[in-house]
Amino acid sequence: MGTKTVDETGVKTDERKTDEATDAAASTEAAEATEASEAAEKADTDTPDDTDTPDDTDTPEDADVTGKTDGTDGTEAGPTGVGQGAGAVVSAGLGIVSLTGSWVGTVASARESLMGQLQTSSSSDVGTLIEKGYGNAWQATAMWGGIFALVALIVGVVVLARPAFGAPGRPQAPWIKSVAWAGVALGVIGLLLAVLKYTDVLLGLPATG
């Protein structure tokens, strides 16, 4: 009976020793796991601090972007075609004026008519009266119409030729070409009619005898 007691107590002491060793190993593993987790947390917290440096690299990228936009703005600030469009409209307008008449031509015609009346008298023949009173006035109207037509023609040609002397690779807007060609055409017609009228080929003075 005494031997069993000793054996049982011996077994029990051995089991206690085993449990204590197991507990010690478990506590060691727990401590190591805790240290590993703390090290991982420190590494995670240190990583954003290290990644703050790309913020500095973002600034050059932003600078490059602004530099590119500035470059594009500089290119867009070049010739926009506004002057060419205005010149085309002016050319067409002057061409219309050369055909329909202007206040300058009207004033010049009235002046020539008045001067003709002052230079003639009631004793002058009919041919002189017609030439001084009407012929010179009509020629003045034709002359000013021809001047407007010539200016319209010159402005239209300059507008059409402008892209050849401007920035390469920048085509002219179609509407500018159309209006400029209209001004050139009206200028040619107005100039032709003015020359024919001034030389009495078209609507000349009536014959008196």
Protein backbone atom coordinates (compact mmCIF):
# COMPACT_ATOMS: atom_id res chain seq x y z
CA MET A 1 0.00 0.00 0.00
CA GLY A 2 2.87 2.38 0.79
CA THR A 3 4.52 1.70 -2.59
CA LYS A 4 1.42 2.69 -4.51
CA THR A 5 1.22 5.90 -2.58
CA VAL A 6 4.76 6.80 -3.43
CA ASP A 7 4.21 5.86 -7.06
CA GLU A 8 1.05 7.89 -7.28
CA THR A 9 2.69 10.89 -5.69
CA GLY A 10 5.64 10.41 -7.99
CA VAL A 11 3.42 10.31 -10.98
CA LYS A 12 1.58 13.31 -9.70
CA THR A 13 4.81 15.26 -9.23
CA ASP A 14 5.92 14.29 -12.71
CA GLU A 15 2.61 15.49 -14.12
CA ARG A 16 2.98 18.79 -12.24
CA LYS A 17 6.45 19.22 -13.64
CA THR A 18 5.13 18.54 -17.16
CA ASP A 19 2.31 21.04 -16.72
CA GLU A 20 4.72 23.64 -15.43
CA ALA A 21 7.02 23.10 -18.39
CA THR A 22 4.08 23.35 -20.77
CA ASP A 23 2.89 26.56 -19.14
CA ALA A 24 6.38 28.03 -19.32
CA ALA A 25 6.68 27.17 -23.00
CA ALA A 26 3.25 28.65 -23.69
CA SER A 27 4.11 31.84 -21.84
CA THR A 28 7.38 32.08 -23.80
CA GLU A 29 5.57 31.63 -27.09
CA ALA A 30 2.99 34.24 -26.06
CA ALA A 31 5.73 36.68 -25.17
CA GLU A 32 7.47 36.07 -28.48
CA ALA A 33 4.18 36.51 -30.35
CA THR A 34 3.54 39.76 -28.48
CA GLU A 35 7.00 41.03 -29.35
CA ALA A 36 6.51 40.04 -32.98
CA SER A 37 3.15 41.85 -33.13
CA GLU A 38 4.67 44.95 -31.53
CA ALA A 39 7.52 44.87 -34.03
CA ALA A 40 5.03 44.54 -36.88
CA GLU A 41 3.02 47.46 -35.54
CA LYS A 42 6.16 49.56 -35.31
CA ALA A 43 7.04 48.63 -38.88
CA ASP A 44 3.54 49.62 -40.03
CA THR A 45 3.72 52.92 -38.20
CA ASP A 46 7.17 53.63 -39.59
CA THR A 47 6.13 52.95 -43.18
CA PRO A 48 3.87 56.06 -43.63
CA ASP A 49 6.69 58.22 -42.27
CA ASP A 50 8.96 56.81 -44.93
CA THR A 51 6.30 57.22 -47.58
CA ASP A 52 6.02 60.94 -46.86
CA THR A 53 8.87 61.49 -49.28
CA PRO A 54 6.70 60.83 -52.38
CA ASP A 55 4.77 63.95 -51.40
CA ASP A 56 7.91 65.87 -52.23
CA THR A 57 8.11 64.08 -55.56
CA ASP A 58 4.54 65.11 -56.32
CA THR A 59 5.59 68.74 -56.43
CA PRO A 60 7.86 68.33 -59.50
CA GLU A 61 5.06 66.45 -61.23
CA ASP A 62 2.69 69.30 -60.50
CA ALA A 63 5.33 71.70 -61.72
CA ASP A 64 5.70 69.69 -64.91
CA VAL A 65 1.96 69.72 -65.42
CA THR A 66 1.77 73.46 -64.94
CA GLY A 67 4.73 73.86 -67.24
CA LYS A 68 2.97 71.86 -69.93
CA THR A 69 -0.22 73.84 -69.55
CA ASP A 70 1.75 77.04 -69.72
CA GLY A 71 3.32 75.83 -72.92
CA THR A 72 -0.01 75.04 -74.46
CA ASP A 73 -1.34 78.42 -73.39
CA GLY A 74 1.63 80.02 -75.04
CA THR A 75 0.90 78.26 -78.31
CA GLU A 76 -2.78 79.14 -78.15
CA ALA A 77 -1.86 82.74 -77.58
CA GLY A 78 -0.53 82.88 -81.13
CA PRO A 79 -2.44 84.13 -84.18
CA THR A 80 -6.14 83.36 -83.70
CA GLY A 81 -7.43 84.54 -87.08
CA VAL A 82 -9.43 87.45 -85.65
CA GLY A 83 -7.54 90.01 -87.73
CA GLN A 84 -7.96 87.95 -90.88
CA GLY A 85 -11.68 87.61 -90.28
CA ALA A 86 -12.04 91.35 -89.74
CA GLY A 87 -10.07 92.05 -92.91
CA ALA A 88 -12.29 89.69 -94.90
CA VAL A 89 -15.44 91.43 -93.64
CA VAL A 90 -13.97 94.85 -94.42
CA SER A 91 -13.08 93.70 -97.92
CA ALA A 92 -16.61 92.47 -98.60
CA GLY A 93 -18.12 95.64 -97.13
CA LEU A 94 -15.95 97.91 -99.28
CA GLY A 95 -16.87 95.87 -102.33
CA ILE A 96 -20.57 96.41 -101.65
CA VAL A 97 -20.00 100.13 -101.12
CA SER A 98 -18.18 100.39 -104.44
CA LEU A 99 -21.27 99.04 -106.21
CA THR A 100 -24.00 100.84 -104.27
CA GLY A 101 -22.23 104.16 -103.72
CA SER A 102 -21.05 106.05 -100.67
CA TRP A 103 -21.60 109.44 -99.10
CA VAL A 104 -18.13 110.45 -100.26
CA GLY A 105 -19.08 109.77 -103.85
CA THR A 106 -22.38 111.58 -103.39
CA VAL A 107 -20.70 114.67 -101.96
CA ALA A 108 -18.06 114.63 -104.70
CA SER A 109 -20.74 114.35 -107.37
CA ALA A 110 -22.75 117.26 -105.94
CA ARG A 111 -19.62 119.37 -105.70
CA GLU A 112 -18.68 118.75 -109.33
CA SER A 113 -22.21 119.53 -110.39
CA LEU A 114 -22.16 122.84 -108.49
CA MET A 115 -18.80 123.79 -109.93
CA GLY A 116 -20.07 123.02 -113.42
CA GLN A 117 -23.03 125.29 -112.93
CA LEU A 118 -20.77 128.10 -111.77
CA GLN A 119 -18.44 127.66 -114.74
CA THR A 120 -21.23 127.80 -117.30
CA SER A 121 -23.75 130.44 -118.16
CA SER A 122 -27.10 130.55 -119.88
CA SER A 123 -25.38 131.35 -123.14
CA SER A 124 -23.33 128.14 -123.13
CA ASP A 125 -24.26 125.44 -125.56
CA VAL A 126 -26.10 122.28 -124.52
CA GLY A 127 -23.04 120.05 -124.81
CA THR A 128 -21.06 122.19 -122.39
CA LEU A 129 -23.94 122.36 -119.95
CA ILE A 130 -24.34 118.58 -119.96
CA GLU A 131 -20.64 117.93 -119.62
CA LYS A 132 -20.07 120.45 -116.84
CA GLY A 133 -23.30 119.82 -115.00
CA TYR A 134 -23.58 116.05 -115.25
CA GLY A 135 -20.53 114.48 -116.91
CA ASN A 136 -18.01 115.61 -114.32
CA ALA A 137 -20.36 114.68 -111.48
CA TRP A 138 -20.85 111.17 -112.83
CA GLN A 139 -17.13 110.73 -113.34
CA ALA A 140 -16.51 111.79 -109.73
CA THR A 141 -18.99 109.18 -108.55
CA ALA A 142 -17.32 106.54 -110.72
CA MET A 143 -13.87 107.54 -109.48
CA TRP A 144 -14.76 107.15 -105.81
CA GLY A 145 -16.52 103.86 -106.51
CA GLY A 146 -13.35 102.65 -108.22
CA ILE A 147 -11.24 103.70 -105.22
CA PHE A 148 -13.45 101.72 -102.84
CA ALA A 149 -13.36 98.73 -105.19
CA LEU A 150 -9.57 98.85 -105.43
CA VAL A 151 -9.19 98.96 -101.64
CA ALA A 152 -11.61 96.05 -101.28
CA LEU A 153 -9.61 94.07 -103.81
CA ILE A 154 -6.29 94.76 -102.08
CA VAL A 155 -7.61 93.92 -98.61
CA GLY A 156 -9.16 90.67 -99.86
CA VAL A 157 -5.94 89.57 -101.55
CA VAL A 158 -3.92 90.35 -98.42
CA VAL A 159 -6.27 88.28 -96.27
CA LEU A 160 -6.07 85.32 -98.65
CA ALA A 161 -2.28 85.53 -98.83
CA ARG A 162 -1.77 86.00 -95.08
CA PRO A 163 -1.51 82.25 -94.15
CA ALA A 164 1.51 81.88 -96.45
CA PHE A 165 3.42 84.34 -94.25
CA GLY A 166 2.02 83.24 -90.88
CA ALA A 167 2.55 80.25 -88.59
CA PRO A 168 2.98 77.00 -90.58
CA GLY A 169 0.43 74.27 -90.00
CA ARG A 170 -2.29 76.70 -88.95
CA PRO A 171 -4.99 76.59 -91.63
CA GLN A 172 -7.27 79.51 -92.35
CA ALA A 173 -10.89 79.20 -91.33
CA PRO A 174 -13.21 78.39 -94.26
CA TRP A 175 -15.55 81.29 -93.55
CA ILE A 176 -12.64 83.74 -93.70
CA LYS A 177 -11.69 82.43 -97.13
CA SER A 178 -15.28 82.65 -98.33
CA VAL A 179 -15.79 86.23 -97.17
CA ALA A 180 -12.38 87.30 -98.50
CA TRP A 181 -13.11 85.80 -101.91
CA ALA A 182 -16.46 87.59 -101.90
CA GLY A 183 -14.65 90.86 -101.20
CA VAL A 184 -12.19 90.20 -104.02
CA ALA A 185 -14.99 89.39 -106.45
CA LEU A 186 -16.99 92.48 -105.51
CA GLY A 187 -13.85 94.60 -105.77
CA VAL A 188 -13.08 93.34 -109.26
CA ILE A 189 -16.67 93.96 -110.43
CA GLY A 190 -16.81 97.41 -108.83
CA LEU A 191 -13.43 98.40 -110.30
CA LEU A 192 -14.45 97.23 -113.77
CA LEU A 193 -17.74 99.12 -113.64
CA ALA A 194 -16.01 102.27 -112.36
CA VAL A 195 -13.50 102.21 -115.23
CA LEU A 196 -16.25 101.68 -117.80
CA LYS A 197 -18.31 104.52 -116.36
CA TYR A 198 -15.39 106.92 -116.04
CA THR A 199 -14.43 106.39 -119.68
CA ASP A 200 -18.06 106.82 -120.82
CA VAL A 201 -18.10 103.29 -122.24
CA LEU A 202 -20.97 102.42 -119.90
CA LEU A 203 -23.83 104.89 -119.46
CA GLY A 204 -22.03 107.68 -121.29
CA LEU A 205 -23.31 111.18 -121.80
CA PRO A 206 -26.09 111.58 -124.37
CA ALA A 207 -25.13 113.00 -127.73
CA THR A 208 -26.21 116.59 -128.31
CA GLY A 209 -25.98 116.89 -132.03
